[in-house]
PDB file of N, CA and C in Angstrom:
ATOM      1  N   MET A   1       6.920 116.417  50.973  1.00  0.00           N
ATOM      2  CA  MET A   1       8.476 115.992  51.713  1.00  0.00           C
ATOM      3  C   MET A   1       8.720 117.295  50.644  1.00  0.00           C
ATOM      4  N   ALA A   2      10.483 117.879  51.388  1.00  0.00           N
ATOM      5  CA  ALA A   2      11.224 118.770  50.677  1.00  0.00           C
ATOM      6  C   ALA A   2      12.038 118.232  49.728  1.00  0.00           C
ATOM      7  N   ARG A   3      12.874 118.926  48.954  1.00  0.00           N
ATOM      8  CA  ARG A   3      13.732 118.232  47.834  1.00  0.00           C
ATOM      9  C   ARG A   3      14.740 117.327  48.261  1.00  0.00           C
ATOM     10  N   PRO A   4      14.927 116.271  48.245  1.00  0.00           N
ATOM     11  CA  PRO A   4      15.831 115.363  49.281  1.00  0.00           C
ATOM     12  C   PRO A   4      17.788 116.401  48.815  1.00  0.00           C
ATOM     13  N   SER A   5      18.315 115.625  49.638  1.00  0.00           N
ATOM     14  CA  SER A   5      19.397 116.037  49.714  1.00  0.00           C
ATOM     15  C   SER A   5      20.334 115.894  49.006  1.00  0.00           C
ATOM     16  N   ARG A   6      21.375 115.730  48.396  1.00  0.00           N
ATOM     17  CA  ARG A   6      22.544 114.906  47.716  1.00  0.00           C
ATOM     18  C   ARG A   6      23.069 114.356  48.688  1.00  0.00           C
ATOM     19  N   ALA A   7      23.885 114.736  49.413  1.00  0.00           N
ATOM     20  CA  ALA A   7      25.031 114.210  50.387  1.00  0.00           C
ATOM     21  C   ALA A   7      24.180 112.608  50.465  1.00  0.00           C
ATOM     22  N   PRO A   8      23.000 112.193  51.024  1.00  0.00           N
ATOM     23  CA  PRO A   8      22.507 111.129  51.331  1.00  0.00           C
ATOM     24  C   PRO A   8      22.674 110.116  50.461  1.00  0.00           C
ATOM     25  N   GLY A   9      22.180 110.479  49.282  1.00  0.00           N
ATOM     26  CA  GLY A   9      22.113 109.558  47.872  1.00  0.00           C
ATOM     27  C   GLY A   9      23.592 109.710  47.416  1.00  0.00           C
ATOM     28  N   TRP A  10      24.412 110.490  47.478  1.00  0.00           N
ATOM     29  CA  TRP A  10      25.679 109.979  46.720  1.00  0.00           C
ATOM     30  C   TRP A  10      26.325 109.287  47.524  1.00  0.00           C
ATOM     31  N   SER A  11      26.121 109.578  49.002  1.00  0.00           N
ATOM     32  CA  SER A  11      26.685 108.206  49.964  1.00  0.00           C
ATOM     33  C   SER A  11      26.278 107.083  49.874  1.00  0.00           C
ATOM     34  N   THR A  12      24.679 107.163  49.928  1.00  0.00           N
ATOM     35  CA  THR A  12      24.372 105.863  49.722  1.00  0.00           C
ATOM     36  C   THR A  12      25.026 105.043  48.773  1.00  0.00           C
ATOM     37  N   ALA A  13      24.869 105.856  47.310  1.00  0.00           N
ATOM     38  CA  ALA A  13      25.202 104.934  46.089  1.00  0.00           C
ATOM     39  C   ALA A  13      26.639 104.923  46.359  1.00  0.00           C
ATOM     40  N   GLY A  14      27.468 105.597  46.922  1.00  0.00           N
ATOM     41  CA  GLY A  14      28.940 104.778  47.192  1.00  0.00           C
ATOM     42  C   GLY A  14      28.590 103.395  48.181  1.00  0.00           C
ATOM     43  N   LEU A  15      28.088 103.298  48.983  1.00  0.00           N
ATOM     44  CA  LEU A  15      27.778 102.294  49.992  1.00  0.00           C
ATOM     45  C   LEU A  15      27.598 101.059  49.418  1.00  0.00           C
ATOM     46  N   LEU A  16      26.275 101.488  48.323  1.00  0.00           N
ATOM     47  CA  LEU A  16      25.778 100.388  47.340  1.00  0.00           C
ATOM     48  C   LEU A  16      27.145  99.601  46.319  1.00  0.00           C
ATOM     49  N   THR A  17      28.037 100.015  46.325  1.00  0.00           N
ATOM     50  CA  THR A  17      29.020  99.284  45.318  1.00  0.00           C
ATOM     51  C   THR A  17      30.057  97.997  46.101  1.00  0.00           C
ATOM     52  N   ASP A  18      29.790  98.259  47.663  1.00  0.00           N
ATOM     53  CA  ASP A  18      30.578  97.198  48.097  1.00  0.00           C
ATOM     54  C   ASP A  18      29.188  96.084  48.855  1.00  0.00           C
ATOM     55  N   ARG A  19      28.332  96.543  49.083  1.00  0.00           N
ATOM     56  CA  ARG A  19      27.103  95.804  49.713  1.00  0.00           C
ATOM     57  C   ARG A  19      25.707  95.830  49.126  1.00  0.00           C
ATOM     58  N   ASN A  20      24.971  95.002  49.412  1.00  0.00           N
ATOM     59  CA  ASN A  20      23.612  94.836  48.972  1.00  0.00           C
ATOM     60  C   ASN A  20      22.908  96.020  49.955  1.00  0.00           C
ATOM     61  N   VAL A  21      21.340  96.813  49.311  1.00  0.00           N
ATOM     62  CA  VAL A  21      20.590  97.367  50.182  1.00  0.00           C
ATOM     63  C   VAL A  21      20.157  97.007  51.855  1.00  0.00           C
ATOM     64  N   SER A  22      19.958  95.594  51.934  1.00  0.00           N
ATOM     65  CA  SER A  22      19.235  94.642  52.797  1.00  0.00           C
ATOM     66  C   SER A  22      20.650  94.998  54.106  1.00  0.00           C
ATOM     67  N   ASP A  23      21.710  95.199  53.495  1.00  0.00           N
ATOM     68  CA  ASP A  23      23.086  95.192  54.523  1.00  0.00           C
ATOM     69  C   ASP A  23      23.487  96.411  54.818  1.00  0.00           C
ATOM     70  N   LEU A  24      22.292  97.264  54.327  1.00  0.00           N
ATOM     71  CA  LEU A  24      22.755  98.420  54.815  1.00  0.00           C
ATOM     72  C   LEU A  24      21.853  99.126  55.710  1.00  0.00           C
ATOM     73  N   ALA A  25      22.446 100.090  56.926  1.00  0.00           N
ATOM     74  CA  ALA A  25      21.384 100.635  57.591  1.00  0.00           C
ATOM     75  C   ALA A  25      21.325 102.148  57.728  1.00  0.00           C
ATOM     76  N   VAL A  26      20.483 102.654  58.051  1.00  0.00           N
ATOM     77  CA  VAL A  26      20.386 104.020  58.013  1.00  0.00           C
ATOM     78  C   VAL A  26      21.679 104.844  58.439  1.00  0.00           C
ATOM     79  N   ASN A  27      21.887 104.058  59.835  1.00  0.00           N
ATOM     80  CA  ASN A  27      23.118 104.601  60.335  1.00  0.00           C
ATOM     81  C   ASN A  27      24.414 104.551  59.495  1.00  0.00           C
ATOM     82  N   ASP A  28      24.483 103.695  58.525  1.00  0.00           N
ATOM     83  CA  ASP A  28      26.041 103.915  57.743  1.00  0.00           C
ATOM     84  C   ASP A  28      26.043 105.442  56.819  1.00  0.00           C
ATOM     85  N   ILE A  29      24.091 105.155  56.391  1.00  0.00           N
ATOM     86  CA  ILE A  29      24.147 106.100  55.590  1.00  0.00           C
ATOM     87  C   ILE A  29      24.542 107.588  56.056  1.00  0.00           C
ATOM     88  N   LEU A  30      24.237 107.708  57.387  1.00  0.00           N
ATOM     89  CA  LEU A  30      24.420 109.347  57.893  1.00  0.00           C
ATOM     90  C   LEU A  30      25.875 109.331  58.528  1.00  0.00           C
ATOM     91  N   THR A  31      26.585 108.024  58.659  1.00  0.00           N
ATOM     92  CA  THR A  31      27.907 108.356  58.760  1.00  0.00           C
ATOM     93  C   THR A  31      28.941 108.972  57.591  1.00  0.00           C
ATOM     94  N   ALA A  32      28.685 107.889  56.619  1.00  0.00           N
ATOM     95  CA  ALA A  32      29.157 108.095  55.159  1.00  0.00           C
ATOM     96  C   ALA A  32      28.642 109.935  54.778  1.00  0.00           C
ATOM     97  N   ALA A  33      27.721 110.152  55.051  1.00  0.00           N
ATOM     98  CA  ALA A  33      27.198 111.252  54.208  1.00  0.00           C
ATOM     99  C   ALA A  33      27.182 112.622  55.349  1.00  0.00           C
ATOM    100  N   GLY A  34      27.578 112.298  56.683  1.00  0.00           N
ATOM    101  CA  GLY A  34      27.769 113.158  57.590  1.00  0.00           C
ATOM    102  C   GLY A  34      26.630 114.395  57.867  1.00  0.00           C
ATOM    103  N   VAL A  35      25.527 113.518  58.025  1.00  0.00           N
ATOM    104  CA  VAL A  35      24.187 114.127  58.351  1.00  0.00           C
ATOM    105  C   VAL A  35      23.458 113.827  59.829  1.00  0.00           C
ATOM    106  N   SER A  36      22.791 114.388  60.145  1.00  0.00           N
ATOM    107  CA  SER A  36      22.410 114.021  61.144  1.00  0.00           C
ATOM    108  C   SER A  36      21.187 112.922  61.358  1.00  0.00           C
ATOM    109  N   ARG A  37      20.625 112.556  61.950  1.00  0.00           N
ATOM    110  CA  ARG A  37      19.425 111.588  62.115  1.00  0.00           C
ATOM    111  C   ARG A  37      18.204 112.335  61.225  1.00  0.00           C
ATOM    112  N   GLY A  38      17.641 113.476  62.302  1.00  0.00           N
ATOM    113  CA  GLY A  38      17.016 114.377  61.743  1.00  0.00           C
ATOM    114  C   GLY A  38      16.733 114.984  60.024  1.00  0.00           C
ATOM    115  N   SER A  39      17.810 115.005  59.589  1.00  0.00           N
ATOM    116  CA  SER A  39      17.964 115.583  58.908  1.00  0.00           C
ATOM    117  C   SER A  39      17.662 114.821  57.802  1.00  0.00           C
ATOM    118  N   PHE A  40      18.378 113.461  57.591  1.00  0.00           N
ATOM    119  CA  PHE A  40      18.113 112.446  56.922  1.00  0.00           C
ATOM    120  C   PHE A  40      16.572 112.081  56.559  1.00  0.00           C
ATOM    121  N   TYR A  41      15.738 111.879  58.123  1.00  0.00           N
ATOM    122  CA  TYR A  41      14.330 111.782  57.996  1.00  0.00           C
ATOM    123  C   TYR A  41      13.820 113.170  57.744  1.00  0.00           C
ATOM    124  N   SER A  42      14.144 113.945  57.341  1.00  0.00           N
ATOM    125  CA  SER A  42      13.559 115.300  56.893  1.00  0.00           C
ATOM    126  C   SER A  42      13.300 115.285  55.380  1.00  0.00           C
ATOM    127  N   TYR A  43      14.346 114.441  55.192  1.00  0.00           N
ATOM    128  CA  TYR A  43      14.309 114.610  53.429  1.00  0.00           C
ATOM    129  C   TYR A  43      13.959 112.943  52.990  1.00  0.00           C
ATOM    130  N   PHE A  44      13.947 112.173  53.391  1.00  0.00           N
ATOM    131  CA  PHE A  44      13.909 110.746  52.937  1.00  0.00           C
ATOM    132  C   PHE A  44      12.754 109.756  54.623  1.00  0.00           C
ATOM    133  N   ASP A  45      12.112 109.005  54.148  1.00  0.00           N
ATOM    134  CA  ASP A  45      11.223 107.879  55.243  1.00  0.00           C
ATOM    135  C   ASP A  45      11.817 106.772  55.837  1.00  0.00           C
ATOM    136  N   SER A  46      12.956 106.480  54.860  1.00  0.00           N
ATOM    137  CA  SER A  46      13.796 105.147  54.990  1.00  0.00           C
ATOM    138  C   SER A  46      15.050 105.035  53.862  1.00  0.00           C
ATOM    139  N   LYS A  47      15.594 104.216  54.025  1.00  0.00           N
ATOM    140  CA  LYS A  47      17.160 103.917  53.032  1.00  0.00           C
ATOM    141  C   LYS A  47      16.236 103.570  51.700  1.00  0.00           C
ATOM    142  N   HIS A  48      15.130 102.992  51.785  1.00  0.00           N
ATOM    143  CA  HIS A  48      14.652 102.224  50.672  1.00  0.00           C
ATOM    144  C   HIS A  48      14.161 103.485  49.452  1.00  0.00           C
ATOM    145  N   ALA A  49      13.848 104.755  50.487  1.00  0.00           N
ATOM    146  CA  ALA A  49      13.241 106.063  49.699  1.00  0.00           C
ATOM    147  C   ALA A  49      14.845 106.680  49.541  1.00  0.00           C
ATOM    148  N   VAL A  50      15.445 106.234  49.607  1.00  0.00           N
ATOM    149  CA  VAL A  50      16.781 106.690  49.523  1.00  0.00           C
ATOM    150  C   VAL A  50      17.580 106.165  47.974  1.00  0.00           C
ATOM    151  N   LEU A  51      17.164 104.793  48.275  1.00  0.00           N
ATOM    152  CA  LEU A  51      17.472 103.791  47.157  1.00  0.00           C
ATOM    153  C   LEU A  51      16.156 104.250  45.949  1.00  0.00           C
ATOM    154  N   GLY A  52      14.987 104.482  45.940  1.00  0.00           N
ATOM    155  CA  GLY A  52      14.001 104.972  44.960  1.00  0.00           C
ATOM    156  C   GLY A  52      14.282 106.538  44.465  1.00  0.00           C
ATOM    157  N   GLU A  53      14.951 106.986  45.216  1.00  0.00           N
ATOM    158  CA  GLU A  53      15.768 108.820  44.768  1.00  0.00           C
ATOM    159  C   GLU A  53      16.665 108.464  43.580  1.00  0.00           C
ATOM    160  N   LEU A  54      17.596 107.437  44.377  1.00  0.00           N
ATOM    161  CA  LEU A  54      18.799 107.141  43.429  1.00  0.00           C
ATOM    162  C   LEU A  54      18.247 106.268  41.802  1.00  0.00           C
ATOM    163  N   VAL A  55      17.149 105.980  41.914  1.00  0.00           N
ATOM    164  CA  VAL A  55      16.464 105.428  40.687  1.00  0.00           C
ATOM    165  C   VAL A  55      16.009 106.338  39.947  1.00  0.00           C
ATOM    166  N   ARG A  56      15.341 107.324  40.462  1.00  0.00           N
ATOM    167  CA  ARG A  56      14.461 108.093  39.846  1.00  0.00           C
ATOM    168  C   ARG A  56      15.809 109.118  39.185  1.00  0.00           C
ATOM    169  N   ARG A  57      16.451 109.425  39.776  1.00  0.00           N
ATOM    170  CA  ARG A  57      17.567 110.148  39.153  1.00  0.00           C
ATOM    171  C   ARG A  57      18.297 109.429  37.984  1.00  0.00           C
ATOM    172  N   ALA A  58      18.624 108.303  38.228  1.00  0.00           N
ATOM    173  CA  ALA A  58      19.119 107.327  37.248  1.00  0.00           C
ATOM    174  C   ALA A  58      18.292 107.361  35.918  1.00  0.00           C
ATOM    175  N   VAL A  59      17.124 107.332  36.103  1.00  0.00           N
ATOM    176  CA  VAL A  59      15.997 107.212  35.086  1.00  0.00           C
ATOM    177  C   VAL A  59      16.074 108.538  34.364  1.00  0.00           C
ATOM    178  N   ALA A  60      15.833 109.722  34.749  1.00  0.00           N
ATOM    179  CA  ALA A  60      15.994 110.919  34.875  1.00  0.00           C
ATOM    180  C   ALA A  60      17.382 111.075  33.544  1.00  0.00           C
ATOM    181  N   GLN A  61      18.598 110.432  34.377  1.00  0.00           N
ATOM    182  CA  GLN A  61      19.806 110.664  33.184  1.00  0.00           C
ATOM    183  C   GLN A  61      19.620 109.740  31.904  1.00  0.00           C
ATOM    184  N   GLY A  62      18.989 108.730  32.242  1.00  0.00           N
ATOM    185  CA  GLY A  62      18.849 107.787  30.977  1.00  0.00           C
ATOM    186  C   GLY A  62      17.941 108.739  29.688  1.00  0.00           C
ATOM    187  N   HIS A  63      16.822 109.207  30.405  1.00  0.00           N
ATOM    188  CA  HIS A  63      15.735 109.913  29.512  1.00  0.00           C
ATOM    189  C   HIS A  63      16.761 111.359  29.065  1.00  0.00           C
ATOM    190  N   ALA A  64      17.255 111.727  29.547  1.00  0.00           N
ATOM    191  CA  ALA A  64      18.389 113.055  29.266  1.00  0.00           C
ATOM    192  C   ALA A  64      19.511 112.698  28.067  1.00  0.00           C
ATOM    193  N   ALA A  65      19.520 111.539  28.450  1.00  0.00           N
ATOM    194  CA  ALA A  65      21.210 111.254  27.663  1.00  0.00           C
ATOM    195  C   ALA A  65      20.290 110.698  25.992  1.00  0.00           C
ATOM    196  N   ALA A  66      19.402 110.094  26.054  1.00  0.00           N
ATOM    197  CA  ALA A  66      18.620 109.426  25.226  1.00  0.00           C
ATOM    198  C   ALA A  66      17.278 110.631  24.149  1.00  0.00           C
ATOM    199  N   ALA A  67      17.131 111.863  24.865  1.00  0.00           N
ATOM    200  CA  ALA A  67      16.898 112.848  24.147  1.00  0.00           C
ATOM    201  C   ALA A  67      17.258 113.282  22.663  1.00  0.00           C
ATOM    202  N   PRO A  68      18.234 113.613  22.638  1.00  0.00           N
ATOM    203  CA  PRO A  68      18.625 113.906  21.054  1.00  0.00           C
ATOM    204  C   PRO A  68      18.031 112.412  20.293  1.00  0.00           C
ATOM    205  N   TRP A  69      17.691 111.080  20.582  1.00  0.00           N
ATOM    206  CA  TRP A  69      17.490 110.330  19.501  1.00  0.00           C
ATOM    207  C   TRP A  69      16.122 110.225  19.493  1.00  0.00           C
ATOM    208  N   LEU A  70      15.481 110.912  20.279  1.00  0.00           N
ATOM    209  CA  LEU A  70      13.958 110.675  20.487  1.00  0.00           C
ATOM    210  C   LEU A  70      13.510 112.259  20.471  1.00  0.00           C
ATOM    211  N   ALA A  71      14.075 112.917  19.698  1.00  0.00           N
ATOM    212  CA  ALA A  71      13.008 114.632  19.301  1.00  0.00           C
ATOM    213  C   ALA A  71      12.468 114.420  18.389  1.00  0.00           C
ATOM    214  N   ASN A  72      12.869 113.337  17.427  1.00  0.00           N
ATOM    215  CA  ASN A  72      11.707 113.023  16.395  1.00  0.00           C
ATOM    216  C   ASN A  72      11.793 111.612  16.321  1.00  0.00           C
ATOM    217  N   PRO A  73      10.834 111.116  16.886  1.00  0.00           N
ATOM    218  CA  PRO A  73      10.754 109.565  16.549  1.00  0.00           C
ATOM    219  C   PRO A  73      10.348 109.384  15.494  1.00  0.00           C
ATOM    220  N   ALA A  74       9.833 109.763  14.826  1.00  0.00           N
ATOM    221  CA  ALA A  74       8.737 109.368  13.462  1.00  0.00           C
ATOM    222  C   ALA A  74      10.385 109.726  12.484  1.00  0.00           C
ATOM    223  N   ASP A  75      10.962 110.562  12.491  1.00  0.00           N
ATOM    224  CA  ASP A  75      12.487 110.399  11.743  1.00  0.00           C
ATOM    225  C   ASP A  75      13.219 109.692  11.613  1.00  0.00           C
ATOM    226  N   LYS A  76      13.674 109.331  12.945  1.00  0.00           N
ATOM    227  CA  LYS A  76      14.815 108.295  13.468  1.00  0.00           C
ATOM    228  C   LYS A  76      13.777 107.100  12.932  1.00  0.00           C
ATOM    229  N   LEU A  77      12.745 106.681  13.317  1.00  0.00           N
ATOM    230  CA  LEU A  77      12.177 105.593  12.884  1.00  0.00           C
ATOM    231  C   LEU A  77      12.056 104.986  11.376  1.00  0.00           C
ATOM    232  N   ARG A  78      11.643 106.074  10.696  1.00  0.00           N
ATOM    233  CA  ARG A  78      11.452 106.243   8.964  1.00  0.00           C
ATOM    234  C   ARG A  78      13.354 105.881   8.588  1.00  0.00           C
ATOM    235  N   SER A  79      13.792 106.949   9.041  1.00  0.00           N
ATOM    236  CA  SER A  79      15.330 106.220   8.632  1.00  0.00           C
ATOM    237  C   SER A  79      15.914 104.755   9.052  1.00  0.00           C
ATOM    238  N   MET A  80      15.372 104.472  10.217  1.00  0.00           N
ATOM    239  CA  MET A  80      15.759 102.631  10.319  1.00  0.00           C
ATOM    240  C   MET A  80      15.270 101.847   9.454  1.00  0.00           C
ATOM    241  N   VAL A  81      13.790 102.231   9.137  1.00  0.00           N
ATOM    242  CA  VAL A  81      13.164 101.382   8.054  1.00  0.00           C
ATOM    243  C   VAL A  81      13.192 101.318   6.505  1.00  0.00           C
ATOM    244  N   ASN A  82      13.909 102.176   6.190  1.00  0.00           N
ATOM    245  CA  ASN A  82      14.466 102.932   4.718  1.00  0.00           C
ATOM    246  C   ASN A  82      16.106 102.544   4.833  1.00  0.00           C
ATOM    247  N   ARG A  83      16.605 102.204   5.914  1.00  0.00           N
ATOM    248  CA  ARG A  83      18.350 101.449   5.538  1.00  0.00           C
ATOM    249  C   ARG A  83      18.768 100.261   5.129  1.00  0.00           C
ATOM    250  N   PRO A  84      19.207  99.498   4.210  1.00  0.00           N
ATOM    251  CA  PRO A  84      19.485  98.419   4.212  1.00  0.00           C
ATOM    252  C   PRO A  84      19.987  97.837   5.565  1.00  0.00           C
ATOM    253  N   PRO A  85      19.150  96.712   5.914  1.00  0.00           N
ATOM    254  CA  PRO A  85      20.074  95.757   7.156  1.00  0.00           C
ATOM    255  C   PRO A  85      21.925  95.770   6.787  1.00  0.00           C
ATOM    256  N   CYS A  86      22.588  96.042   7.602  1.00  0.00           N
ATOM    257  CA  CYS A  86      24.044  95.797   7.744  1.00  0.00           C
ATOM    258  C   CYS A  86      24.517  95.182   8.540  1.00  0.00           C
ATOM    259  N   SER A  87      25.508  94.704   8.330  1.00  0.00           N
ATOM    260  CA  SER A  87      26.728  94.142   9.700  1.00  0.00           C
ATOM    261  C   SER A  87      27.481  95.594  10.196  1.00  0.00           C
ATOM    262  N   SER A  88      27.414  95.190  11.641  1.00  0.00           N
ATOM    263  CA  SER A  88      27.955  95.816  12.241  1.00  0.00           C
ATOM    264  C   SER A  88      29.708  96.274  11.754  1.00  0.00           C
ATOM    265  N   THR A  89      30.436  95.282  11.364  1.00  0.00           N
ATOM    266  CA  THR A  89      31.507  95.251  10.900  1.00  0.00           C
ATOM    267  C   THR A  89      32.047  96.134   9.741  1.00  0.00           C
ATOM    268  N   SER A  90      31.206  95.262   8.618  1.00  0.00           N
ATOM    269  CA  SER A  90      31.419  95.954   7.402  1.00  0.00           C
ATOM    270  C   SER A  90      31.094  97.027   6.861  1.00  0.00           C
ATOM    271  N   GLY A  91      29.612  97.290   7.131  1.00  0.00           N
ATOM    272  CA  GLY A  91      28.917  98.245   6.925  1.00  0.00           C
ATOM    273  C   GLY A  91      28.104  98.197   5.690  1.00  0.00           C
ATOM    274  N   ARG A  92      28.324  96.986   4.875  1.00  0.00           N
ATOM    275  CA  ARG A  92      27.709  96.408   3.491  1.00  0.00           C
ATOM    276  C   ARG A  92      26.260  95.543   3.989  1.00  0.00           C
ATOM    277  N   PRO A  93      25.403  95.456   3.687  1.00  0.00           N
ATOM    278  CA  PRO A  93      24.127  94.871   3.697  1.00  0.00           C
ATOM    279  C   PRO A  93      24.613  93.477   3.687  1.00  0.00           C
ATOM    280  N   ASP A  94      24.264  92.561   4.953  1.00  0.00           N
ATOM    281  CA  ASP A  94      24.418  91.508   5.588  1.00  0.00           C
ATOM    282  C   ASP A  94      23.599  90.914   5.058  1.00  0.00           C
ATOM    283  N   PRO A  95      24.111  89.620   4.154  1.00  0.00           N
ATOM    284  CA  PRO A  95      23.196  88.236   3.122  1.00  0.00           C
ATOM    285  C   PRO A  95      21.924  87.761   3.851  1.00  0.00           C
ATOM    286  N   ARG A  96      22.252  87.671   5.440  1.00  0.00           N
ATOM    287  CA  ARG A  96      21.786  86.494   6.376  1.00  0.00           C
ATOM    288  C   ARG A  96      20.356  87.125   6.580  1.00  0.00           C
ATOM    289  N   LEU A  97      20.432  88.900   6.206  1.00  0.00           N
ATOM    290  CA  LEU A  97      18.904  89.887   7.032  1.00  0.00           C
ATOM    291  C   LEU A  97      18.210  89.914   5.503  1.00  0.00           C
ATOM    292  N   SER A  98      18.913  89.350   4.653  1.00  0.00           N
ATOM    293  CA  SER A  98      18.025  89.729   2.873  1.00  0.00           C
ATOM    294  C   SER A  98      16.786  88.782   3.177  1.00  0.00           C
TER     295      SER A  98
END
C-alpha cells in the first residue's frame, strides 16, 4: 500500500478529541479531510487502519524524543546506579531510601 496521506490522519486525530473511534464513520473522516472515498481507500483499509497509523506516528515521535536519553544506555544506567537517591525537591539524599 502507498504511503498514507497526512490529511485523513490529522483529520481523524482532530475528530477523536470529541468522540470515540466507534462513533466515527469513514464519511466523517472524508468530510473533515476533504478527500474522496477512493483517495481514502487507496491509503487505508478502514478507519481502524487510520487509527493504527496515528498510533504508529505517536510511538515514532516518542522514540525520537527519547533518543537522546537512549544514545548510550549503559552510561545512563551507570550514572543512575552511582548517584545517591535524592528527594525531587531538595536535591539531598532522601533518608527514607537509604
